[in-house]
Amino acid sequence: MPAERILTGIGLRLLAIFLLSAMTALVKLAVQRGATLPETMFYRQLASLPVVLAFVAAGPGLASLRTRRFGAHLRRAVVGTMGMVFTFGSVLLLPLAEATVLSFTVPIFATIMGALFLNERVGVHRWGAVIVGFVGVLIVAQPSGGHFPLVGTVVGPLAALFVAVVAILLRQIGQTEPTGTTVFWFATLSLVPLSIAYAVVARAHDPLTWALLIGTGVIGGMGQLALTGAVRFAPVSAVVPMDYSGLIWATLLGWTLFAALPTSTTWLGAPIIIGSGLYIAWRERRRSAPVTGGGTPA
């Protein structure tokens, strides 16, 4: 793959992480002002559609929204919607920095799923990194210390699990589908169940809360486009390490908007989780690179 395409993918991933970090902060602010989780999810998808349609119209054209892979888009929508529930739930239950650190377990779950469901060969090095990564999770979460709500420490890794599944699905879909098409069908299909949930909990809000809800969709849609485009330009193993920049944004946003800084155990556990993810990504790149002789162990 040409170096410029990989750099483009990395740049898009960095942009996506910044935008999605800002989106999660808006979600947290909206809920603090009386919005509910179904409302935030509904407007996250609804308000993103104009952004996506404008992107498609300015690029490949609206005709590109036609697809022969409706089943693949439906699977991505189901998994993505469930992942959104856990991702937003994690942000609401935990401080931004801690929720972000727990989301860094995506490479760990991707390794486990690759071994269990894709029959990938995973050697002692990557299994060791998985174990070390979960040690980092325990340090951050402190499940027996009561530092954070137990449900929050469970929801955070579950969000990462679904994000890992989505990453695999996006890589498969991206082989034939344009970025805008993938994001359009995700937003459109997920709005079906979200509309039902929204009808049950819909309520009136003040103008600022409405602006926050719409902002989650606009910024989230832009972030989703960048996220989906990144894996079209570069391998997952090349772009996933860029996700760790999210800790910078989460820390800054948590401090400026919510007067919350990461705990000492978060600063201790975060490098362990990040190191584990980076090592897994490095081993994955070595495993997939062309070799001579006996090959590279997983």
C-alpha atoms as a PDB file:
ATOM      1  CA  MET A   1       0.000   0.000   0.000  1.00  0.00           C
ATOM      2  CA  PRO A   2       1.471   3.436  -0.974  1.00  0.00           C
ATOM      3  CA  ALA A   3       2.863   5.430   1.944  1.00  0.00           C
ATOM      4  CA  GLU A   4       0.719   8.472   1.114  1.00  0.00           C
ATOM      5  CA  ARG A   5      -2.467   6.434   1.434  1.00  0.00           C
ATOM      6  CA  ILE A   6      -1.370   5.138   4.849  1.00  0.00           C
ATOM      7  CA  LEU A   7      -0.595   8.690   5.983  1.00  0.00           C
ATOM      8  CA  THR A   8      -4.019   9.791   4.757  1.00  0.00           C
ATOM      9  CA  GLY A   9      -5.616   6.992   6.764  1.00  0.00           C
ATOM     10  CA  ILE A  10      -3.668   7.964   9.881  1.00  0.00           C
ATOM     11  CA  GLY A  11      -4.628  11.619   9.463  1.00  0.00           C
ATOM     12  CA  LEU A  12      -8.299  10.721   9.072  1.00  0.00           C
ATOM     13  CA  ARG A  13      -8.149   8.543  12.168  1.00  0.00           C
ATOM     14  CA  LEU A  14      -6.631  11.364  14.239  1.00  0.00           C
ATOM     15  CA  LEU A  15      -9.335  13.743  13.021  1.00  0.00           C
ATOM     16  CA  ALA A  16     -12.017  11.151  13.777  1.00  0.00           C
ATOM     17  CA  ILE A  17     -10.793  10.630  17.335  1.00  0.00           C
ATOM     18  CA  PHE A  18     -10.823  14.384  18.015  1.00  0.00           C
ATOM     19  CA  LEU A  19     -14.349  14.779  16.620  1.00  0.00           C
ATOM     20  CA  LEU A  20     -15.721  11.721  18.438  1.00  0.00           C
ATOM     21  CA  SER A  21     -14.128  12.894  21.698  1.00  0.00           C
ATOM     22  CA  ALA A  22     -15.916  16.218  21.284  1.00  0.00           C
ATOM     23  CA  MET A  23     -19.144  14.360  20.512  1.00  0.00           C
ATOM     24  CA  THR A  24     -18.982  12.329  23.728  1.00  0.00           C
ATOM     25  CA  ALA A  25     -18.464  15.529  25.710  1.00  0.00           C
ATOM     26  CA  LEU A  26     -21.597  16.995  24.092  1.00  0.00           C
ATOM     27  CA  VAL A  27     -23.522  13.832  24.983  1.00  0.00           C
ATOM     28  CA  LYS A  28     -22.485  14.144  28.606  1.00  0.00           C
ATOM     29  CA  LEU A  29     -23.438  17.828  28.691  1.00  0.00           C
ATOM     30  CA  ALA A  30     -26.837  17.136  27.076  1.00  0.00           C
ATOM     31  CA  VAL A  31     -27.693  14.429  29.602  1.00  0.00           C
ATOM     32  CA  GLN A  32     -26.667  16.700  32.463  1.00  0.00           C
ATOM     33  CA  ARG A  33     -29.231  19.175  31.123  1.00  0.00           C
ATOM     34  CA  GLY A  34     -32.058  16.616  31.122  1.00  0.00           C
ATOM     35  CA  ALA A  35     -31.719  14.668  27.870  1.00  0.00           C
ATOM     36  CA  THR A  36     -32.024  10.885  27.976  1.00  0.00           C
ATOM     37  CA  LEU A  37     -29.771   8.242  26.455  1.00  0.00           C
ATOM     38  CA  PRO A  38     -32.291   7.297  23.685  1.00  0.00           C
ATOM     39  CA  GLU A  39     -32.634  10.984  22.769  1.00  0.00           C
ATOM     40  CA  THR A  40     -28.886  11.451  22.428  1.00  0.00           C
ATOM     41  CA  MET A  41     -28.601   8.362  20.257  1.00  0.00           C
ATOM     42  CA  PHE A  42     -31.568   9.358  18.085  1.00  0.00           C
ATOM     43  CA  TYR A  43     -30.221  12.843  17.363  1.00  0.00           C
ATOM     44  CA  ARG A  44     -26.705  11.475  16.955  1.00  0.00           C
ATOM     45  CA  GLN A  45     -27.971   9.548  13.939  1.00  0.00           C
ATOM     46  CA  LEU A  46     -30.683  11.885  12.659  1.00  0.00           C
ATOM     47  CA  ALA A  47     -28.553  15.042  12.628  1.00  0.00           C
ATOM     48  CA  SER A  48     -25.678  13.182  10.981  1.00  0.00           C
ATOM     49  CA  LEU A  49     -27.711  12.361   7.857  1.00  0.00           C
ATOM     50  CA  PRO A  50     -27.497  15.852   6.264  1.00  0.00           C
ATOM     51  CA  VAL A  51     -23.730  15.799   6.801  1.00  0.00           C
ATOM     52  CA  VAL A  52     -23.432  12.389   5.181  1.00  0.00           C
ATOM     53  CA  LEU A  53     -25.723  13.255   2.264  1.00  0.00           C
ATOM     54  CA  ALA A  54     -23.780  16.462   1.587  1.00  0.00           C
ATOM     55  CA  PHE A  55     -20.530  14.485   1.639  1.00  0.00           C
ATOM     56  CA  VAL A  56     -21.895  11.917  -0.806  1.00  0.00           C
ATOM     57  CA  ALA A  57     -23.456  14.528  -3.105  1.00  0.00           C
ATOM     58  CA  ALA A  58     -20.173  16.445  -3.296  1.00  0.00           C
ATOM     59  CA  GLY A  59     -18.202  13.273  -3.972  1.00  0.00           C
ATOM     60  CA  PRO A  60     -19.373  10.105  -5.707  1.00  0.00           C
ATOM     61  CA  GLY A  61     -22.989  11.297  -6.017  1.00  0.00           C
ATOM     62  CA  LEU A  62     -26.232  10.132  -4.445  1.00  0.00           C
ATOM     63  CA  ALA A  63     -26.414   7.214  -6.878  1.00  0.00           C
ATOM     64  CA  SER A  64     -23.546   5.631  -4.921  1.00  0.00           C
ATOM     65  CA  LEU A  65     -25.940   5.047  -2.012  1.00  0.00           C
ATOM     66  CA  ARG A  66     -27.364   2.069  -3.895  1.00  0.00           C
ATOM     67  CA  THR A  67     -25.988  -1.133  -2.478  1.00  0.00           C
ATOM     68  CA  ARG A  68     -26.029  -4.836  -3.157  1.00  0.00           C
ATOM     69  CA  ARG A  69     -24.766  -5.594   0.344  1.00  0.00           C
ATOM     70  CA  PHE A  70     -27.837  -4.690   2.362  1.00  0.00           C
ATOM     71  CA  GLY A  71     -27.275  -7.644   4.680  1.00  0.00           C
ATOM     72  CA  ALA A  72     -23.767  -6.486   5.539  1.00  0.00           C
ATOM     73  CA  HIS A  73     -25.026  -2.975   6.256  1.00  0.00           C
ATOM     74  CA  LEU A  74     -27.811  -4.385   8.412  1.00  0.00           C
ATOM     75  CA  ARG A  75     -25.328  -6.401  10.486  1.00  0.00           C
ATOM     76  CA  ARG A  76     -23.135  -3.336  10.874  1.00  0.00           C
ATOM     77  CA  ALA A  77     -26.169  -1.280  11.959  1.00  0.00           C
ATOM     78  CA  VAL A  78     -27.233  -3.833  14.580  1.00  0.00           C
ATOM     79  CA  VAL A  79     -23.758  -4.159  16.061  1.00  0.00           C
ATOM     80  CA  GLY A  80     -23.080  -0.427  15.770  1.00  0.00           C
ATOM     81  CA  THR A  81     -26.316   0.529  17.521  1.00  0.00           C
ATOM     82  CA  MET A  82     -25.631  -1.843  20.393  1.00  0.00           C
ATOM     83  CA  GLY A  83     -22.093  -0.497  20.580  1.00  0.00           C
ATOM     84  CA  MET A  84     -23.461   3.055  20.729  1.00  0.00           C
ATOM     85  CA  VAL A  85     -25.621   2.111  23.718  1.00  0.00           C
ATOM     86  CA  PHE A  86     -22.571   0.887  25.639  1.00  0.00           C
ATOM     87  CA  THR A  87     -20.292   3.700  24.426  1.00  0.00           C
ATOM     88  CA  PHE A  88     -22.699   6.462  25.432  1.00  0.00           C
ATOM     89  CA  GLY A  89     -23.545   4.590  28.628  1.00  0.00           C
ATOM     90  CA  SER A  90     -19.873   4.399  29.549  1.00  0.00           C
ATOM     91  CA  VAL A  91     -19.466   8.143  28.996  1.00  0.00           C
ATOM     92  CA  LEU A  92     -22.474   8.887  31.199  1.00  0.00           C
ATOM     93  CA  LEU A  93     -21.450   6.535  34.004  1.00  0.00           C
ATOM     94  CA  LEU A  94     -17.733   7.368  34.134  1.00  0.00           C
ATOM     95  CA  PRO A  95     -15.506  10.437  33.837  1.00  0.00           C
ATOM     96  CA  LEU A  96     -14.458  11.096  30.230  1.00  0.00           C
ATOM     97  CA  ALA A  97     -10.827  10.081  30.731  1.00  0.00           C
ATOM     98  CA  GLU A  98     -11.669   6.782  32.428  1.00  0.00           C
ATOM     99  CA  ALA A  99     -14.304   5.915  29.812  1.00  0.00           C
ATOM    100  CA  THR A 100     -11.744   6.665  27.098  1.00  0.00           C
ATOM    101  CA  VAL A 101      -9.037   4.534  28.718  1.00  0.00           C
ATOM    102  CA  LEU A 102     -11.406   1.548  28.942  1.00  0.00           C
ATOM    103  CA  SER A 103     -12.206   2.007  25.249  1.00  0.00           C
ATOM    104  CA  PHE A 104      -8.516   1.380  24.515  1.00  0.00           C
ATOM    105  CA  THR A 105      -9.157  -2.338  25.059  1.00  0.00           C
ATOM    106  CA  VAL A 106     -10.425  -2.596  21.463  1.00  0.00           C
ATOM    107  CA  PRO A 107      -7.195  -4.293  20.174  1.00  0.00           C
ATOM    108  CA  ILE A 108      -7.402  -6.755  23.072  1.00  0.00           C
ATOM    109  CA  PHE A 109     -10.939  -7.811  22.149  1.00  0.00           C
ATOM    110  CA  ALA A 110     -10.087  -7.827  18.450  1.00  0.00           C
ATOM    111  CA  THR A 111      -7.297 -10.334  19.165  1.00  0.00           C
ATOM    112  CA  ILE A 112      -9.587 -12.584  21.186  1.00  0.00           C
ATOM    113  CA  MET A 113     -12.343 -12.515  18.551  1.00  0.00           C
ATOM    114  CA  GLY A 114      -9.882 -13.147  15.762  1.00  0.00           C
ATOM    115  CA  ALA A 115      -8.737 -16.298  17.538  1.00  0.00           C
ATOM    116  CA  LEU A 116     -12.224 -17.515  18.506  1.00  0.00           C
ATOM    117  CA  PHE A 117     -14.290 -16.659  15.445  1.00  0.00           C
ATOM    118  CA  LEU A 118     -11.898 -16.062  12.535  1.00  0.00           C
ATOM    119  CA  ASN A 119      -9.527 -18.938  13.318  1.00  0.00           C
ATOM    120  CA  GLU A 120      -6.559 -16.571  13.357  1.00  0.00           C
ATOM    121  CA  ARG A 121      -3.312 -17.956  14.724  1.00  0.00           C
ATOM    122  CA  VAL A 122      -2.471 -16.034  17.894  1.00  0.00           C
ATOM    123  CA  GLY A 123       0.853 -16.856  19.515  1.00  0.00           C
ATOM    124  CA  VAL A 124       2.203 -16.437  23.007  1.00  0.00           C
ATOM    125  CA  HIS A 125       3.309 -12.842  22.390  1.00  0.00           C
ATOM    126  CA  ARG A 126      -0.143 -11.492  21.608  1.00  0.00           C
ATOM    127  CA  TRP A 127      -1.837 -13.619  24.275  1.00  0.00           C
ATOM    128  CA  GLY A 128       0.661 -12.182  26.746  1.00  0.00           C
ATOM    129  CA  ALA A 129      -0.237  -8.673  25.604  1.00  0.00           C
ATOM    130  CA  VAL A 130      -3.937  -9.480  26.102  1.00  0.00           C
ATOM    131  CA  ILE A 131      -3.304 -10.580  29.688  1.00  0.00           C
ATOM    132  CA  VAL A 132      -1.181  -7.520  30.437  1.00  0.00           C
ATOM    133  CA  GLY A 133      -3.876  -5.289  28.948  1.00  0.00           C
ATOM    134  CA  PHE A 134      -6.531  -6.723  31.238  1.00  0.00           C
ATOM    135  CA  VAL A 135      -4.239  -6.116  34.206  1.00  0.00           C
ATOM    136  CA  GLY A 136      -4.255  -2.477  33.171  1.00  0.00           C
ATOM    137  CA  VAL A 137      -8.054  -2.536  33.029  1.00  0.00           C
ATOM    138  CA  LEU A 138      -8.198  -3.877  36.590  1.00  0.00           C
ATOM    139  CA  ILE A 139      -5.883  -1.103  37.770  1.00  0.00           C
ATOM    140  CA  VAL A 140      -8.058   1.578  36.189  1.00  0.00           C
ATOM    141  CA  ALA A 141     -11.420   0.087  37.155  1.00  0.00           C
ATOM    142  CA  GLN A 142     -10.530  -1.100  40.685  1.00  0.00           C
ATOM    143  CA  PRO A 143     -13.561  -3.427  40.724  1.00  0.00           C
ATOM    144  CA  SER A 144     -13.211  -4.149  44.457  1.00  0.00           C
ATOM    145  CA  GLY A 145     -12.421  -0.588  45.527  1.00  0.00           C
ATOM    146  CA  GLY A 146     -15.742   1.019  44.672  1.00  0.00           C
ATOM    147  CA  HIS A 147     -13.954   3.964  43.058  1.00  0.00           C
ATOM    148  CA  PHE A 148     -16.289   3.871  40.049  1.00  0.00           C
ATOM    149  CA  PRO A 149     -19.792   2.395  39.638  1.00  0.00           C
ATOM    150  CA  LEU A 150     -19.532  -1.339  38.982  1.00  0.00           C
ATOM    151  CA  VAL A 151     -21.909  -1.093  36.045  1.00  0.00           C
ATOM    152  CA  GLY A 152     -19.660   1.579  34.516  1.00  0.00           C
ATOM    153  CA  THR A 153     -16.576  -0.607  34.715  1.00  0.00           C
ATOM    154  CA  VAL A 154     -18.519  -3.369  32.942  1.00  0.00           C
ATOM    155  CA  VAL A 155     -20.127  -1.160  30.302  1.00  0.00           C
ATOM    156  CA  GLY A 156     -16.775   0.403  29.300  1.00  0.00           C
ATOM    157  CA  PRO A 157     -15.110  -2.834  28.142  1.00  0.00           C
ATOM    158  CA  LEU A 158     -18.393  -3.968  26.536  1.00  0.00           C
ATOM    159  CA  ALA A 159     -18.338  -0.792  24.449  1.00  0.00           C
ATOM    160  CA  ALA A 160     -14.791  -1.655  23.353  1.00  0.00           C
ATOM    161  CA  LEU A 161     -15.919  -5.177  22.455  1.00  0.00           C
ATOM    162  CA  PHE A 162     -18.579  -3.872  20.080  1.00  0.00           C
ATOM    163  CA  VAL A 163     -16.203  -1.299  18.600  1.00  0.00           C
ATOM    164  CA  ALA A 164     -13.789  -4.129  17.827  1.00  0.00           C
ATOM    165  CA  VAL A 165     -16.537  -6.024  16.011  1.00  0.00           C
ATOM    166  CA  VAL A 166     -17.486  -2.884  14.073  1.00  0.00           C
ATOM    167  CA  ALA A 167     -13.858  -2.362  13.034  1.00  0.00           C
ATOM    168  CA  ILE A 168     -13.779  -5.832  11.509  1.00  0.00           C
ATOM    169  CA  LEU A 169     -17.136  -5.304   9.756  1.00  0.00           C
ATOM    170  CA  LEU A 170     -16.042  -1.931   8.390  1.00  0.00           C
ATOM    171  CA  ARG A 171     -12.872  -3.423   6.977  1.00  0.00           C
ATOM    172  CA  GLN A 172     -14.938  -6.068   5.182  1.00  0.00           C
ATOM    173  CA  ILE A 173     -17.591  -3.648   3.932  1.00  0.00           C
ATOM    174  CA  GLY A 174     -14.973  -1.079   2.881  1.00  0.00           C
ATOM    175  CA  GLN A 175     -13.587  -3.474   0.279  1.00  0.00           C
ATOM    176  CA  THR A 176     -16.601  -2.760  -1.956  1.00  0.00           C
ATOM    177  CA  GLU A 177     -18.599   0.109  -0.427  1.00  0.00           C
ATOM    178  CA  PRO A 178     -17.697   3.831  -0.428  1.00  0.00           C
ATOM    179  CA  THR A 179     -17.316   5.585   2.916  1.00  0.00           C
ATOM    180  CA  GLY A 180     -20.460   7.695   2.523  1.00  0.00           C
ATOM    181  CA  THR A 181     -22.575   4.683   1.600  1.00  0.00           C
ATOM    182  CA  THR A 182     -21.510   2.787   4.700  1.00  0.00           C
ATOM    183  CA  VAL A 183     -22.179   5.689   7.070  1.00  0.00           C
ATOM    184  CA  PHE A 184     -25.511   6.517   5.376  1.00  0.00           C
ATOM    185  CA  TRP A 185     -26.892   3.016   5.784  1.00  0.00           C
ATOM    186  CA  PHE A 186     -25.700   2.817   9.387  1.00  0.00           C
ATOM    187  CA  ALA A 187     -27.523   6.037  10.289  1.00  0.00           C
ATOM    188  CA  THR A 188     -30.649   5.173   8.307  1.00  0.00           C
ATOM    189  CA  LEU A 189     -31.071   1.597   9.506  1.00  0.00           C
ATOM    190  CA  SER A 190     -30.292   2.395  13.148  1.00  0.00           C
ATOM    191  CA  LEU A 191     -32.923   5.152  13.150  1.00  0.00           C
ATOM    192  CA  VAL A 192     -35.667   2.528  12.881  1.00  0.00           C
ATOM    193  CA  PRO A 193     -35.293   1.113  16.427  1.00  0.00           C
ATOM    194  CA  LEU A 194     -34.042   4.446  17.793  1.00  0.00           C
ATOM    195  CA  SER A 195     -37.214   6.197  16.577  1.00  0.00           C
ATOM    196  CA  ILE A 196     -39.318   3.777  18.600  1.00  0.00           C
ATOM    197  CA  ALA A 197     -37.221   4.343  21.724  1.00  0.00           C
ATOM    198  CA  TYR A 198     -37.270   8.097  21.154  1.00  0.00           C
ATOM    199  CA  ALA A 199     -41.074   8.176  20.889  1.00  0.00           C
ATOM    200  CA  VAL A 200     -41.291   6.704  24.389  1.00  0.00           C
ATOM    201  CA  VAL A 201     -38.951   9.165  26.128  1.00  0.00           C
ATOM    202  CA  ALA A 202     -39.198  12.333  23.980  1.00  0.00           C
ATOM    203  CA  ARG A 203     -39.476  15.550  25.976  1.00  0.00           C
ATOM    204  CA  ALA A 204     -39.119  19.312  25.570  1.00  0.00           C
ATOM    205  CA  HIS A 205     -35.738  20.999  26.115  1.00  0.00           C
ATOM    206  CA  ASP A 206     -34.309  24.481  26.242  1.00  0.00           C
ATOM    207  CA  PRO A 207     -32.495  25.853  23.144  1.00  0.00           C
ATOM    208  CA  LEU A 208     -29.003  25.058  24.461  1.00  0.00           C
ATOM    209  CA  THR A 209     -29.894  21.409  25.071  1.00  0.00           C
ATOM    210  CA  TRP A 210     -31.379  21.152  21.569  1.00  0.00           C
ATOM    211  CA  ALA A 211     -28.154  22.635  20.194  1.00  0.00           C
ATOM    212  CA  LEU A 212     -26.105  20.063  22.107  1.00  0.00           C
ATOM    213  CA  LEU A 213     -28.264  17.199  20.794  1.00  0.00           C
ATOM    214  CA  ILE A 214     -28.000  18.381  17.195  1.00  0.00           C
ATOM    215  CA  GLY A 215     -24.293  19.023  17.663  1.00  0.00           C
ATOM    216  CA  THR A 216     -23.742  15.387  18.637  1.00  0.00           C
ATOM    217  CA  GLY A 217     -25.132  14.351  15.264  1.00  0.00           C
ATOM    218  CA  VAL A 218     -23.275  16.887  13.148  1.00  0.00           C
ATOM    219  CA  ILE A 219     -19.904  16.354  14.835  1.00  0.00           C
ATOM    220  CA  GLY A 220     -20.516  12.622  15.208  1.00  0.00           C
ATOM    221  CA  GLY A 221     -21.397  12.300  11.522  1.00  0.00           C
ATOM    222  CA  MET A 222     -18.190  14.051  10.516  1.00  0.00           C
ATOM    223  CA  GLY A 223     -16.242  11.810  12.887  1.00  0.00           C
ATOM    224  CA  GLN A 224     -17.908   8.685  11.523  1.00  0.00           C
ATOM    225  CA  LEU A 225     -17.019   9.649   7.967  1.00  0.00           C
ATOM    226  CA  ALA A 226     -13.391  10.161   8.963  1.00  0.00           C
ATOM    227  CA  LEU A 227     -13.354   6.922  10.978  1.00  0.00           C
ATOM    228  CA  THR A 228     -14.795   4.863   8.139  1.00  0.00           C
ATOM    229  CA  GLY A 229     -12.547   6.495   5.559  1.00  0.00           C
ATOM    230  CA  ALA A 230      -9.427   5.785   7.605  1.00  0.00           C
ATOM    231  CA  VAL A 231      -9.730   2.007   7.259  1.00  0.00           C
ATOM    232  CA  ARG A 232     -10.243   2.360   3.511  1.00  0.00           C
ATOM    233  CA  PHE A 233      -6.875   4.092   3.139  1.00  0.00           C
ATOM    234  CA  ALA A 234      -4.797   2.144   5.656  1.00  0.00           C
ATOM    235  CA  PRO A 235      -4.772  -1.218   7.467  1.00  0.00           C
ATOM    236  CA  VAL A 236      -6.513  -1.402  10.832  1.00  0.00           C
ATOM    237  CA  SER A 237      -3.176  -2.158  12.507  1.00  0.00           C
ATOM    238  CA  ALA A 238      -1.781   1.121  11.188  1.00  0.00           C
ATOM    239  CA  VAL A 239      -4.630   3.403  12.251  1.00  0.00           C
ATOM    240  CA  VAL A 240      -5.754   1.883  15.570  1.00  0.00           C
ATOM    241  CA  PRO A 241      -2.723   3.241  17.512  1.00  0.00           C
ATOM    242  CA  MET A 242      -3.987   6.751  16.674  1.00  0.00           C
ATOM    243  CA  ASP A 243      -6.975   6.085  18.935  1.00  0.00           C
ATOM    244  CA  TYR A 244      -4.779   6.683  21.969  1.00  0.00           C
ATOM    245  CA  SER A 245      -4.749  10.399  21.170  1.00  0.00           C
ATOM    246  CA  GLY A 246      -8.288  10.312  22.553  1.00  0.00           C
ATOM    247  CA  LEU A 247      -6.891  10.342  26.093  1.00  0.00           C
ATOM    248  CA  ILE A 248      -5.454  13.802  25.465  1.00  0.00           C
ATOM    249  CA  TRP A 249      -8.801  15.171  24.290  1.00  0.00           C
ATOM    250  CA  ALA A 250     -10.766  13.376  27.012  1.00  0.00           C
ATOM    251  CA  THR A 251      -8.474  14.765  29.704  1.00  0.00           C
ATOM    252  CA  LEU A 252      -8.682  18.315  28.349  1.00  0.00           C
ATOM    253  CA  LEU A 253     -12.452  18.189  27.856  1.00  0.00           C
ATOM    254  CA  GLY A 254     -13.029  16.543  31.228  1.00  0.00           C
ATOM    255  CA  TRP A 255     -10.962  19.216  32.929  1.00  0.00           C
ATOM    256  CA  THR A 256     -12.418  22.255  31.117  1.00  0.00           C
ATOM    257  CA  LEU A 257     -16.080  21.182  30.981  1.00  0.00           C
ATOM    258  CA  PHE A 258     -16.544  18.956  34.031  1.00  0.00           C
ATOM    259  CA  ALA A 259     -13.663  19.936  36.354  1.00  0.00           C
ATOM    260  CA  ALA A 260     -12.543  16.286  36.411  1.00  0.00           C
ATOM    261  CA  LEU A 261      -8.993  15.021  36.021  1.00  0.00           C
ATOM    262  CA  PRO A 262      -7.929  11.355  35.682  1.00  0.00           C
ATOM    263  CA  THR A 263      -7.214   9.557  38.936  1.00  0.00           C
ATOM    264  CA  SER A 264      -3.742   8.342  39.881  1.00  0.00           C
ATOM    265  CA  THR A 265      -4.739   4.746  39.121  1.00  0.00           C
ATOM    266  CA  THR A 266      -5.919   5.817  35.667  1.00  0.00           C
ATOM    267  CA  TRP A 267      -2.498   7.329  34.933  1.00  0.00           C
ATOM    268  CA  LEU A 268      -0.956   4.062  36.147  1.00  0.00           C
ATOM    269  CA  GLY A 269      -3.233   1.705  34.222  1.00  0.00           C
ATOM    270  CA  ALA A 270      -3.512   3.717  30.992  1.00  0.00           C
ATOM    271  CA  PRO A 271       0.117   3.190  29.856  1.00  0.00           C
ATOM    272  CA  ILE A 272      -0.276  -0.555  30.486  1.00  0.00           C
ATOM    273  CA  ILE A 273      -3.425  -0.752  28.355  1.00  0.00           C
ATOM    274  CA  ILE A 274      -1.922   1.487  25.653  1.00  0.00           C
ATOM    275  CA  GLY A 275       1.330  -0.488  25.634  1.00  0.00           C
ATOM    276  CA  SER A 276      -0.621  -3.709  25.270  1.00  0.00           C
ATOM    277  CA  GLY A 277      -2.611  -2.344  22.331  1.00  0.00           C
ATOM    278  CA  LEU A 278       0.459  -0.978  20.587  1.00  0.00           C
ATOM    279  CA  TYR A 279       2.283  -4.287  20.993  1.00  0.00           C
ATOM    280  CA  ILE A 280      -0.686  -6.174  19.553  1.00  0.00           C
ATOM    281  CA  ALA A 281      -0.779  -3.779  16.585  1.00  0.00           C
ATOM    282  CA  TRP A 282       2.963  -4.209  16.038  1.00  0.00           C
ATOM    283  CA  ARG A 283       2.749  -7.994  16.155  1.00  0.00           C
ATOM    284  CA  GLU A 284      -0.203  -7.886  13.757  1.00  0.00           C
ATOM    285  CA  ARG A 285       1.810  -5.861  11.269  1.00  0.00           C
ATOM    286  CA  ARG A 286       4.732  -8.290  11.551  1.00  0.00           C
ATOM    287  CA  ARG A 287       2.397 -11.240  11.120  1.00  0.00           C
ATOM    288  CA  SER A 288       0.783  -9.823   7.993  1.00  0.00           C
ATOM    289  CA  ALA A 289       4.017  -8.579   6.395  1.00  0.00           C
ATOM    290  CA  PRO A 290       5.589 -10.719   3.619  1.00  0.00           C
ATOM    291  CA  VAL A 291       8.331 -12.913   5.019  1.00  0.00           C
ATOM    292  CA  THR A 292      10.815 -15.448   3.777  1.00  0.00           C
ATOM    293  CA  GLY A 293      11.824 -18.661   5.427  1.00  0.00           C
ATOM    294  CA  GLY A 294       9.764 -19.953   8.325  1.00  0.00           C
ATOM    295  CA  GLY A 295       7.553 -16.854   8.692  1.00  0.00           C
ATOM    296  CA  THR A 296       6.825 -14.652  11.695  1.00  0.00           C
ATOM    297  CA  PRO A 297       5.132 -16.096  14.755  1.00  0.00           C
ATOM    298  CA  ALA A 298       1.912 -14.500  15.956  1.00  0.00           C
END
